[in-house]
Amino acid sequence: MALIAIAAILVAYPAIWLLVSSSWPITTTLRHIASAPNCEFARLVGLAPARRGEPGYWKHHDRDGDGIACEPWPSRRGAASPRFPLNNG
């Protein structure tokens, strides 16, 4: 039983420290943590797209390294224009 209590403390302490030490409000910090797995979660909690330094920004979500995470990308289906436009004349 003591081992479980020690494990709980070891898990809870870093989480509490992160919440208390964050410069963002607690709810924003929780949303930031929730957005970590992928951009779908970031969009779900309303933090995408996010710029570097903002809540919701995670380096692994910034595909092109421009400082904007989870930015919208054009769909691949029909998004590209033809290389050579048709000349009807």
PDB file of N, CA and C in Angstrom:
ATOM      1  N   MET A   1       0.820  -1.191   0.000  1.00  0.00           N
ATOM      2  CA  MET A   1       0.000   0.000   0.000  1.00  0.00           C
ATOM      3  C   MET A   1       0.868   1.260   0.000  1.00  0.00           C
ATOM      4  N   ALA A   2       1.955   1.229   0.741  1.00  0.00           N
ATOM      5  CA  ALA A   2       2.855   2.383   0.786  1.00  0.00           C
ATOM      6  C   ALA A   2       3.501   2.618  -0.571  1.00  0.00           C
ATOM      7  N   LEU A   3       3.760   1.538  -1.290  1.00  0.00           N
ATOM      8  CA  LEU A   3       4.358   1.658  -2.615  1.00  0.00           C
ATOM      9  C   LEU A   3       3.425   2.390  -3.579  1.00  0.00           C
ATOM     10  N   ILE A   4       2.139   2.122  -3.489  1.00  0.00           N
ATOM     11  CA  ILE A   4       1.155   2.803  -4.338  1.00  0.00           C
ATOM     12  C   ILE A   4       1.098   4.285  -3.993  1.00  0.00           C
ATOM     13  N   ALA A   5       1.148   4.612  -2.711  1.00  0.00           N
ATOM     14  CA  ALA A   5       1.123   6.016  -2.281  1.00  0.00           C
ATOM     15  C   ALA A   5       2.359   6.755  -2.793  1.00  0.00           C
ATOM     16  N   ILE A   6       3.506   6.116  -2.723  1.00  0.00           N
ATOM     17  CA  ILE A   6       4.738   6.738  -3.206  1.00  0.00           C
ATOM     18  C   ILE A   6       4.663   6.958  -4.719  1.00  0.00           C
ATOM     19  N   ALA A   7       4.150   5.973  -5.447  1.00  0.00           N
ATOM     20  CA  ALA A   7       4.013   6.101  -6.898  1.00  0.00           C
ATOM     21  C   ALA A   7       3.045   7.232  -7.249  1.00  0.00           C
ATOM     22  N   ALA A   8       1.957   7.347  -6.503  1.00  0.00           N
ATOM     23  CA  ALA A   8       0.981   8.416  -6.751  1.00  0.00           C
ATOM     24  C   ALA A   8       1.612   9.787  -6.519  1.00  0.00           C
ATOM     25  N   ILE A   9       2.409   9.907  -5.491  1.00  0.00           N
ATOM     26  CA  ILE A   9       3.079  11.179  -5.198  1.00  0.00           C
ATOM     27  C   ILE A   9       4.078  11.518  -6.303  1.00  0.00           C
ATOM     28  N   LEU A  10       4.817  10.510  -6.767  1.00  0.00           N
ATOM     29  CA  LEU A  10       5.803  10.741  -7.823  1.00  0.00           C
ATOM     30  C   LEU A  10       5.152  11.163  -9.135  1.00  0.00           C
ATOM     31  N   VAL A  11       3.940  10.726  -9.371  1.00  0.00           N
ATOM     32  CA  VAL A  11       3.227  11.111 -10.588  1.00  0.00           C
ATOM     33  C   VAL A  11       2.547  12.468 -10.401  1.00  0.00           C
ATOM     34  N   ALA A  12       1.932  12.676  -9.255  1.00  0.00           N
ATOM     35  CA  ALA A  12       1.164  13.903  -9.017  1.00  0.00           C
ATOM     36  C   ALA A  12       2.048  15.130  -8.848  1.00  0.00           C
ATOM     37  N   TYR A  13       3.185  14.996  -8.203  1.00  0.00           N
ATOM     38  CA  TYR A  13       4.033  16.158  -7.920  1.00  0.00           C
ATOM     39  C   TYR A  13       4.461  16.893  -9.189  1.00  0.00           C
ATOM     40  N   PRO A  14       4.985  16.219 -10.214  1.00  0.00           N
ATOM     41  CA  PRO A  14       5.370  16.969 -11.429  1.00  0.00           C
ATOM     42  C   PRO A  14       4.172  17.627 -12.107  1.00  0.00           C
ATOM     43  N   ALA A  15       3.023  16.971 -12.109  1.00  0.00           N
ATOM     44  CA  ALA A  15       1.838  17.558 -12.734  1.00  0.00           C
ATOM     45  C   ALA A  15       1.395  18.809 -11.992  1.00  0.00           C
ATOM     46  N   ILE A  16       1.387  18.752 -10.685  1.00  0.00           N
ATOM     47  CA  ILE A  16       1.004  19.915  -9.882  1.00  0.00           C
ATOM     48  C   ILE A  16       2.029  21.030 -10.055  1.00  0.00           C
ATOM     49  N   TRP A  17       3.304  20.685 -10.067  1.00  0.00           N
ATOM     50  CA  TRP A  17       4.354  21.685 -10.258  1.00  0.00           C
ATOM     51  C   TRP A  17       4.184  22.389 -11.601  1.00  0.00           C
ATOM     52  N   LEU A  18       3.871  21.619 -12.651  1.00  0.00           N
ATOM     53  CA  LEU A  18       3.674  22.201 -13.977  1.00  0.00           C
ATOM     54  C   LEU A  18       2.505  23.179 -13.966  1.00  0.00           C
ATOM     55  N   LEU A  19       1.411  22.804 -13.327  1.00  0.00           N
ATOM     56  CA  LEU A  19       0.243  23.684 -13.276  1.00  0.00           C
ATOM     57  C   LEU A  19       0.527  24.961 -12.500  1.00  0.00           C
ATOM     58  N   VAL A  20       1.223  24.848 -11.387  1.00  0.00           N
ATOM     59  CA  VAL A  20       1.493  26.003 -10.533  1.00  0.00           C
ATOM     60  C   VAL A  20       2.550  26.918 -11.144  1.00  0.00           C
ATOM     61  N   SER A  21       3.538  26.362 -11.816  1.00  0.00           N
ATOM     62  CA  SER A  21       4.641  27.170 -12.344  1.00  0.00           C
ATOM     63  C   SER A  21       4.347  27.793 -13.702  1.00  0.00           C
ATOM     64  N   SER A  22       3.270  27.388 -14.344  1.00  0.00           N
ATOM     65  CA  SER A  22       2.949  27.914 -15.661  1.00  0.00           C
ATOM     66  C   SER A  22       2.534  29.382 -15.581  1.00  0.00           C
ATOM     67  N   SER A  23       2.893  30.152 -16.591  1.00  0.00           N
ATOM     68  CA  SER A  23       2.495  31.561 -16.635  1.00  0.00           C
ATOM     69  C   SER A  23       1.067  31.722 -17.160  1.00  0.00           C
ATOM     70  N   TRP A  24       0.504  30.650 -17.708  1.00  0.00           N
ATOM     71  CA  TRP A  24      -0.864  30.677 -18.209  1.00  0.00           C
ATOM     72  C   TRP A  24      -1.838  30.303 -17.097  1.00  0.00           C
ATOM     73  N   PRO A  25      -3.092  30.695 -17.226  1.00  0.00           N
ATOM     74  CA  PRO A  25      -4.093  30.242 -16.258  1.00  0.00           C
ATOM     75  C   PRO A  25      -4.182  28.708 -16.253  1.00  0.00           C
ATOM     76  N   ILE A  26      -4.652  28.145 -15.161  1.00  0.00           N
ATOM     77  CA  ILE A  26      -4.692  26.683 -15.016  1.00  0.00           C
ATOM     78  C   ILE A  26      -5.489  26.025 -16.138  1.00  0.00           C
ATOM     79  N   THR A  27      -6.636  26.597 -16.500  1.00  0.00           N
ATOM     80  CA  THR A  27      -7.438  25.973 -17.561  1.00  0.00           C
ATOM     81  C   THR A  27      -6.700  25.986 -18.893  1.00  0.00           C
ATOM     82  N   THR A  28      -5.974  27.066 -19.178  1.00  0.00           N
ATOM     83  CA  THR A  28      -5.194  27.140 -20.417  1.00  0.00           C
ATOM     84  C   THR A  28      -4.056  26.126 -20.392  1.00  0.00           C
ATOM     85  N   THR A  29      -3.405  25.979 -19.242  1.00  0.00           N
ATOM     86  CA  THR A  29      -2.324  24.999 -19.105  1.00  0.00           C
ATOM     87  C   THR A  29      -2.856  23.590 -19.323  1.00  0.00           C
ATOM     88  N   LEU A  30      -4.015  23.282 -18.773  1.00  0.00           N
ATOM     89  CA  LEU A  30      -4.617  21.954 -18.972  1.00  0.00           C
ATOM     90  C   LEU A  30      -4.958  21.729 -20.437  1.00  0.00           C
ATOM     91  N   ARG A  31      -5.475  22.751 -21.118  1.00  0.00           N
ATOM     92  CA  ARG A  31      -5.772  22.620 -22.546  1.00  0.00           C
ATOM     93  C   ARG A  31      -4.482  22.429 -23.341  1.00  0.00           C
ATOM     94  N   HIS A  32      -3.404  23.138 -22.942  1.00  0.00           N
ATOM     95  CA  HIS A  32      -2.108  22.997 -23.612  1.00  0.00           C
ATOM     96  C   HIS A  32      -1.597  21.558 -23.479  1.00  0.00           C
ATOM     97  N   ILE A  33      -1.683  21.003 -22.275  1.00  0.00           N
ATOM     98  CA  ILE A  33      -1.248  19.621 -22.053  1.00  0.00           C
ATOM     99  C   ILE A  33      -2.105  18.664 -22.874  1.00  0.00           C
ATOM    100  N   ALA A  34      -3.415  18.922 -22.928  1.00  0.00           N
ATOM    101  CA  ALA A  34      -4.324  18.050 -23.685  1.00  0.00           C
ATOM    102  C   ALA A  34      -4.037  18.100 -25.181  1.00  0.00           C
ATOM    103  N   SER A  35      -3.452  19.198 -25.664  1.00  0.00           N
ATOM    104  CA  SER A  35      -3.179  19.324 -27.100  1.00  0.00           C
ATOM    105  C   SER A  35      -1.888  18.634 -27.529  1.00  0.00           C
ATOM    106  N   ALA A  36      -1.149  18.068 -26.584  1.00  0.00           N
ATOM    107  CA  ALA A  36       0.156  17.486 -26.894  1.00  0.00           C
ATOM    108  C   ALA A  36       0.136  16.303 -27.867  1.00  0.00           C
ATOM    109  N   PRO A  37      -0.836  15.389 -27.791  1.00  0.00           N
ATOM    110  CA  PRO A  37      -0.725  14.203 -28.650  1.00  0.00           C
ATOM    111  C   PRO A  37      -0.694  14.489 -30.150  1.00  0.00           C
ATOM    112  N   ASN A  38      -1.582  15.350 -30.637  1.00  0.00           N
ATOM    113  CA  ASN A  38      -1.619  15.622 -32.071  1.00  0.00           C
ATOM    114  C   ASN A  38      -2.470  16.856 -32.352  1.00  0.00           C
ATOM    115  N   CYS A  39      -2.487  17.288 -33.588  1.00  0.00           N
ATOM    116  CA  CYS A  39      -3.216  18.496 -33.962  1.00  0.00           C
ATOM    117  C   CYS A  39      -4.721  18.333 -33.821  1.00  0.00           C
ATOM    118  N   GLU A  40      -5.213  17.130 -33.967  1.00  0.00           N
ATOM    119  CA  GLU A  40      -6.647  16.912 -33.790  1.00  0.00           C
ATOM    120  C   GLU A  40      -7.072  17.281 -32.370  1.00  0.00           C
ATOM    121  N   PHE A  41      -6.280  16.880 -31.380  1.00  0.00           N
ATOM    122  CA  PHE A  41      -6.577  17.249 -29.998  1.00  0.00           C
ATOM    123  C   PHE A  41      -6.422  18.756 -29.802  1.00  0.00           C
ATOM    124  N   ALA A  42      -5.406  19.352 -30.419  1.00  0.00           N
ATOM    125  CA  ALA A  42      -5.208  20.797 -30.294  1.00  0.00           C
ATOM    126  C   ALA A  42      -6.404  21.558 -30.847  1.00  0.00           C
ATOM    127  N   ARG A  43      -6.935  21.105 -31.971  1.00  0.00           N
ATOM    128  CA  ARG A  43      -8.128  21.737 -32.531  1.00  0.00           C
ATOM    129  C   ARG A  43      -9.338  21.498 -31.637  1.00  0.00           C
ATOM    130  N   LEU A  44      -9.440  20.310 -31.080  1.00  0.00           N
ATOM    131  CA  LEU A  44     -10.563  19.951 -30.212  1.00  0.00           C
ATOM    132  C   LEU A  44     -10.644  20.871 -28.996  1.00  0.00           C
ATOM    133  N   VAL A  45      -9.504  21.232 -28.414  1.00  0.00           N
ATOM    134  CA  VAL A  45      -9.503  22.103 -27.233  1.00  0.00           C
ATOM    135  C   VAL A  45      -9.377  23.583 -27.609  1.00  0.00           C
ATOM    136  N   GLY A  46      -9.389  23.886 -28.896  1.00  0.00           N
ATOM    137  CA  GLY A  46      -9.396  25.270 -29.354  1.00  0.00           C
ATOM    138  C   GLY A  46      -8.060  25.981 -29.340  1.00  0.00           C
ATOM    139  N   LEU A  47      -6.971  25.238 -29.448  1.00  0.00           N
ATOM    140  CA  LEU A  47      -5.648  25.861 -29.401  1.00  0.00           C
ATOM    141  C   LEU A  47      -4.864  25.723 -30.700  1.00  0.00           C
ATOM    142  N   ALA A  48      -5.534  25.454 -31.782  1.00  0.00           N
ATOM    143  CA  ALA A  48      -4.808  25.308 -33.043  1.00  0.00           C
ATOM    144  C   ALA A  48      -5.422  26.231 -34.082  1.00  0.00           C
ATOM    145  N   PRO A  49      -4.638  26.821 -34.934  1.00  0.00           N
ATOM    146  CA  PRO A  49      -3.180  26.802 -34.965  1.00  0.00           C
ATOM    147  C   PRO A  49      -2.595  27.657 -33.847  1.00  0.00           C
ATOM    148  N   ALA A  50      -1.348  27.389 -33.502  1.00  0.00           N
ATOM    149  CA  ALA A  50      -0.672  28.116 -32.424  1.00  0.00           C
ATOM    150  C   ALA A  50       0.728  28.514 -32.866  1.00  0.00           C
ATOM    151  N   ARG A  51       1.122  29.697 -32.486  1.00  0.00           N
ATOM    152  CA  ARG A  51       2.474  30.177 -32.784  1.00  0.00           C
ATOM    153  C   ARG A  51       3.419  29.800 -31.653  1.00  0.00           C
ATOM    154  N   ARG A  52       4.701  29.748 -31.964  1.00  0.00           N
ATOM    155  CA  ARG A  52       5.726  29.411 -30.968  1.00  0.00           C
ATOM    156  C   ARG A  52       5.578  30.322 -29.748  1.00  0.00           C
ATOM    157  N   GLY A  53       5.534  29.718 -28.556  1.00  0.00           N
ATOM    158  CA  GLY A  53       5.384  30.464 -27.313  1.00  0.00           C
ATOM    159  C   GLY A  53       3.949  30.577 -26.825  1.00  0.00           C
ATOM    160  N   GLU A  54       2.997  30.246 -27.686  1.00  0.00           N
ATOM    161  CA  GLU A  54       1.592  30.291 -27.302  1.00  0.00           C
ATOM    162  C   GLU A  54       1.151  28.933 -26.776  1.00  0.00           C
ATOM    163  N   PRO A  55       0.083  28.914 -25.971  1.00  0.00           N
ATOM    164  CA  PRO A  55      -0.454  27.619 -25.557  1.00  0.00           C
ATOM    165  C   PRO A  55      -0.931  26.846 -26.785  1.00  0.00           C
ATOM    166  N   GLY A  56      -0.663  25.572 -26.798  1.00  0.00           N
ATOM    167  CA  GLY A  56      -1.038  24.732 -27.928  1.00  0.00           C
ATOM    168  C   GLY A  56       0.097  24.487 -28.904  1.00  0.00           C
ATOM    169  N   TYR A  57       1.195  25.256 -28.792  1.00  0.00           N
ATOM    170  CA  TYR A  57       2.327  25.046 -29.697  1.00  0.00           C
ATOM    171  C   TYR A  57       3.201  23.920 -29.157  1.00  0.00           C
ATOM    172  N   TRP A  58       3.398  22.927 -29.975  1.00  0.00           N
ATOM    173  CA  TRP A  58       4.337  21.842 -29.696  1.00  0.00           C
ATOM    174  C   TRP A  58       5.200  21.702 -30.934  1.00  0.00           C
ATOM    175  N   LYS A  59       6.499  21.615 -30.723  1.00  0.00           N
ATOM    176  CA  LYS A  59       7.443  21.544 -31.848  1.00  0.00           C
ATOM    177  C   LYS A  59       7.118  20.380 -32.786  1.00  0.00           C
ATOM    178  N   HIS A  60       6.666  19.264 -32.233  1.00  0.00           N
ATOM    179  CA  HIS A  60       6.375  18.117 -33.091  1.00  0.00           C
ATOM    180  C   HIS A  60       5.099  18.313 -33.923  1.00  0.00           C
ATOM    181  N   HIS A  61       4.349  19.390 -33.686  1.00  0.00           N
ATOM    182  CA  HIS A  61       3.176  19.703 -34.511  1.00  0.00           C
ATOM    183  C   HIS A  61       3.501  20.711 -35.610  1.00  0.00           C
ATOM    184  N   ASP A  62       4.710  21.232 -35.609  1.00  0.00           N
ATOM    185  CA  ASP A  62       5.125  22.237 -36.584  1.00  0.00           C
ATOM    186  C   ASP A  62       5.848  21.533 -37.726  1.00  0.00           C
ATOM    187  N   ARG A  63       5.087  21.094 -38.728  1.00  0.00           N
ATOM    188  CA  ARG A  63       5.645  20.260 -39.795  1.00  0.00           C
ATOM    189  C   ARG A  63       6.720  20.946 -40.622  1.00  0.00           C
ATOM    190  N   ASP A  64       6.551  22.234 -40.887  1.00  0.00           N
ATOM    191  CA  ASP A  64       7.523  22.903 -41.754  1.00  0.00           C
ATOM    192  C   ASP A  64       8.497  23.797 -40.994  1.00  0.00           C
ATOM    193  N   GLY A  65       8.421  23.817 -39.659  1.00  0.00           N
ATOM    194  CA  GLY A  65       9.379  24.555 -38.850  1.00  0.00           C
ATOM    195  C   GLY A  65       9.273  26.066 -38.938  1.00  0.00           C
ATOM    196  N   ASP A  66       8.101  26.581 -39.332  1.00  0.00           N
ATOM    197  CA  ASP A  66       7.952  28.034 -39.477  1.00  0.00           C
ATOM    198  C   ASP A  66       7.435  28.728 -38.222  1.00  0.00           C
ATOM    199  N   GLY A  67       7.299  27.984 -37.119  1.00  0.00           N
ATOM    200  CA  GLY A  67       6.844  28.590 -35.873  1.00  0.00           C
ATOM    201  C   GLY A  67       5.343  28.582 -35.699  1.00  0.00           C
ATOM    202  N   ILE A  68       4.628  27.928 -36.598  1.00  0.00           N
ATOM    203  CA  ILE A  68       3.174  27.810 -36.485  1.00  0.00           C
ATOM    204  C   ILE A  68       2.833  26.323 -36.476  1.00  0.00           C
ATOM    205  N   ALA A  69       2.246  25.872 -35.373  1.00  0.00           N
ATOM    206  CA  ALA A  69       1.880  24.466 -35.236  1.00  0.00           C
ATOM    207  C   ALA A  69       0.431  24.263 -35.643  1.00  0.00           C
ATOM    208  N   CYS A  70       0.170  23.126 -36.223  1.00  0.00           N
ATOM    209  CA  CYS A  70      -1.193  22.714 -36.618  1.00  0.00           C
ATOM    210  C   CYS A  70      -1.840  23.699 -37.576  1.00  0.00           C
ATOM    211  N   GLU A  71      -1.020  24.302 -38.439  1.00  0.00           N
ATOM    212  CA  GLU A  71      -1.599  25.221 -39.408  1.00  0.00           C
ATOM    213  C   GLU A  71      -2.373  24.442 -40.457  1.00  0.00           C
ATOM    214  N   PRO A  72      -3.426  25.038 -40.992  1.00  0.00           N
ATOM    215  CA  PRO A  72      -4.213  24.320 -42.006  1.00  0.00           C
ATOM    216  C   PRO A  72      -3.410  24.120 -43.285  1.00  0.00           C
ATOM    217  N   TRP A  73      -3.547  22.965 -43.850  1.00  0.00           N
ATOM    218  CA  TRP A  73      -2.884  22.642 -45.114  1.00  0.00           C
ATOM    219  C   TRP A  73      -3.968  22.362 -46.134  1.00  0.00           C
ATOM    220  N   PRO A  74      -3.747  22.746 -47.376  1.00  0.00           N
ATOM    221  CA  PRO A  74      -4.765  22.439 -48.388  1.00  0.00           C
ATOM    222  C   PRO A  74      -4.910  20.932 -48.566  1.00  0.00           C
ATOM    223  N   SER A  75      -6.127  20.504 -48.817  1.00  0.00           N
ATOM    224  CA  SER A  75      -6.320  19.067 -49.036  1.00  0.00           C
ATOM    225  C   SER A  75      -5.632  18.662 -50.325  1.00  0.00           C
ATOM    226  N   ARG A  76      -5.253  17.428 -50.410  1.00  0.00           N
ATOM    227  CA  ARG A  76      -4.529  16.954 -51.592  1.00  0.00           C
ATOM    228  C   ARG A  76      -5.467  16.702 -52.764  1.00  0.00           C
ATOM    229  N   ARG A  77      -6.733  16.509 -52.467  1.00  0.00           N
ATOM    230  CA  ARG A  77      -7.699  16.212 -53.533  1.00  0.00           C
ATOM    231  C   ARG A  77      -8.116  17.494 -54.250  1.00  0.00           C
ATOM    232  N   GLY A  78      -7.642  17.687 -55.434  1.00  0.00           N
ATOM    233  CA  GLY A  78      -8.064  18.805 -56.258  1.00  0.00           C
ATOM    234  C   GLY A  78      -7.544  20.166 -55.826  1.00  0.00           C
ATOM    235  N   ALA A  79      -6.626  20.216 -54.878  1.00  0.00           N
ATOM    236  CA  ALA A  79      -6.154  21.503 -54.383  1.00  0.00           C
ATOM    237  C   ALA A  79      -5.143  22.141 -55.339  1.00  0.00           C
ATOM    238  N   ALA A  80      -4.402  21.327 -56.055  1.00  0.00           N
ATOM    239  CA  ALA A  80      -3.367  21.862 -56.936  1.00  0.00           C
ATOM    240  C   ALA A  80      -3.976  22.318 -58.235  1.00  0.00           C
ATOM    241  N   SER A  81      -3.498  23.421 -58.727  1.00  0.00           N
ATOM    242  CA  SER A  81      -3.955  23.905 -60.025  1.00  0.00           C
ATOM    243  C   SER A  81      -3.127  23.203 -61.103  1.00  0.00           C
ATOM    244  N   PRO A  82      -3.652  23.086 -62.285  1.00  0.00           N
ATOM    245  CA  PRO A  82      -2.887  22.440 -63.347  1.00  0.00           C
ATOM    246  C   PRO A  82      -1.630  23.237 -63.694  1.00  0.00           C
ATOM    247  N   ARG A  83      -0.581  22.529 -64.059  1.00  0.00           N
ATOM    248  CA  ARG A  83       0.676  23.200 -64.392  1.00  0.00           C
ATOM    249  C   ARG A  83       0.538  24.036 -65.660  1.00  0.00           C
ATOM    250  N   PHE A  84      -0.168  23.497 -66.611  1.00  0.00           N
ATOM    251  CA  PHE A  84      -0.314  24.178 -67.882  1.00  0.00           C
ATOM    252  C   PHE A  84      -1.795  24.432 -68.107  1.00  0.00           C
ATOM    253  N   PRO A  85      -2.240  25.674 -67.960  1.00  0.00           N
ATOM    254  CA  PRO A  85      -3.662  25.932 -68.177  1.00  0.00           C
ATOM    255  C   PRO A  85      -4.038  25.687 -69.637  1.00  0.00           C
ATOM    256  N   LEU A  86      -5.253  25.259 -69.796  1.00  0.00           N
ATOM    257  CA  LEU A  86      -5.739  25.015 -71.156  1.00  0.00           C
ATOM    258  C   LEU A  86      -5.867  26.335 -71.907  1.00  0.00           C
ATOM    259  N   ASN A  87      -5.434  26.313 -73.141  1.00  0.00           N
ATOM    260  CA  ASN A  87      -5.542  27.516 -73.971  1.00  0.00           C
ATOM    261  C   ASN A  87      -6.610  27.256 -75.014  1.00  0.00           C
ATOM    262  N   ASN A  88      -7.743  27.919 -74.839  1.00  0.00           N
ATOM    263  CA  ASN A  88      -8.859  27.706 -75.757  1.00  0.00           C
ATOM    264  C   ASN A  88      -8.860  28.721 -76.889  1.00  0.00           C
ATOM    265  N   GLY A  89      -7.770  29.118 -77.332  1.00  0.00           N
ATOM    266  CA  GLY A  89      -7.835  30.131 -78.378  1.00  0.00           C
ATOM    267  C   GLY A  89      -6.767  30.079 -79.334  1.00  0.00           C
TER     268      GLY A  89
END
